[in-house]
Amino acid sequence: MKKYRLTDAKKQEEDALRYWASKSIKQKIDAMEQIMKNFYEVQGTNLHEQRLQRVLKIVKLSQS
C-alpha cells in the first residue's frame, strides 16, 4: 500500500491510471463487481432480494 500526501494528488492519479491500465478487462470487471457488492452491503441491500423490473413498451403513434 502506498501512502500519499494530499499535495501529491496528481502523482496519485497517475499511479492509479497506470495501475488500472496494467490490468486485464476481466480483472477490471471483477474489481467493479466487488465494489458494487461492497456498496450494497454498506447500504444494507440484499443482492438476491426480488426487485421490481422496469418494463418499457414502444408503441407506434398514428399520424393525425
Protein backbone atom coordinates (compact mmCIF):
# COMPACT_ATOMS: atom_id res chain seq x y z
CA MET A 1 0.00 0.00 0.00
CA LYS A 2 1.35 3.38 -0.98
CA LYS A 3 1.00 6.47 1.16
CA TYR A 4 0.49 9.87 -0.44
CA ARG A 5 0.49 13.38 0.83
CA LEU A 6 -2.56 15.44 -0.05
CA THR A 7 -0.31 17.59 -2.22
CA ASP A 8 0.59 14.53 -4.33
CA ALA A 9 -2.87 14.23 -5.92
CA LYS A 10 -1.53 14.38 -9.48
CA LYS A 11 1.04 11.64 -8.79
CA GLN A 12 -1.62 9.53 -7.07
CA GLU A 13 -3.92 9.87 -10.08
CA GLU A 14 -1.09 8.95 -12.48
CA ASP A 15 -0.24 5.86 -10.39
CA ALA A 16 -3.91 4.82 -10.33
CA LEU A 17 -4.22 5.19 -14.10
CA ARG A 18 -1.02 3.21 -14.63
CA TYR A 19 -2.25 0.51 -12.22
CA TRP A 20 -5.63 0.06 -13.95
CA ALA A 21 -4.05 0.22 -17.41
CA SER A 22 -1.93 -2.80 -16.45
CA LYS A 23 -4.98 -4.91 -15.50
CA SER A 24 -6.93 -7.16 -17.86
CA ILE A 25 -10.57 -6.48 -18.71
CA LYS A 26 -11.61 -9.44 -16.53
CA GLN A 27 -9.68 -8.06 -13.55
CA LYS A 28 -11.31 -4.64 -14.04
CA ILE A 29 -14.81 -6.17 -14.22
CA ASP A 30 -14.11 -8.34 -11.14
CA ALA A 31 -12.95 -5.25 -9.23
CA MET A 32 -16.08 -3.33 -10.26
CA GLU A 33 -18.33 -6.21 -9.17
CA GLN A 34 -16.57 -6.27 -5.79
CA ILE A 35 -17.02 -2.51 -5.41
CA MET A 36 -20.74 -2.87 -6.19
CA LYS A 37 -21.11 -5.73 -3.67
CA ASN A 38 -19.35 -3.66 -1.01
CA PHE A 39 -21.63 -0.70 -1.75
CA TYR A 40 -24.77 -2.79 -1.41
CA GLU A 41 -23.51 -4.33 1.84
CA VAL A 42 -22.86 -0.87 3.29
CA GLN A 43 -26.33 0.25 2.16
CA GLY A 44 -27.87 -2.85 3.72
CA THR A 45 -29.34 -4.04 0.42
CA ASN A 46 -29.69 -7.77 -0.18
CA LEU A 47 -28.21 -8.60 -3.59
CA HIS A 48 -30.53 -11.57 -4.01
CA GLU A 49 -33.79 -9.93 -3.00
CA GLN A 50 -36.57 -9.76 -5.55
CA ARG A 51 -36.73 -6.39 -7.24
CA LEU A 52 -39.33 -4.86 -9.50
CA GLN A 53 -38.29 -4.69 -13.10
CA ARG A 54 -38.96 -1.68 -15.23
CA VAL A 55 -40.94 -2.66 -18.30
CA LEU A 56 -40.87 -0.42 -21.33
CA LYS A 57 -43.09 -0.72 -24.34
CA ILE A 58 -42.54 1.09 -27.61
CA VAL A 59 -45.71 1.96 -29.46
CA LYS A 60 -46.12 3.48 -32.85
CA LEU A 61 -48.29 6.59 -32.79
CA SER A 62 -50.74 7.10 -35.58
CA GLN A 63 -50.29 10.27 -37.57
CA SER A 64 -53.26 12.60 -37.30
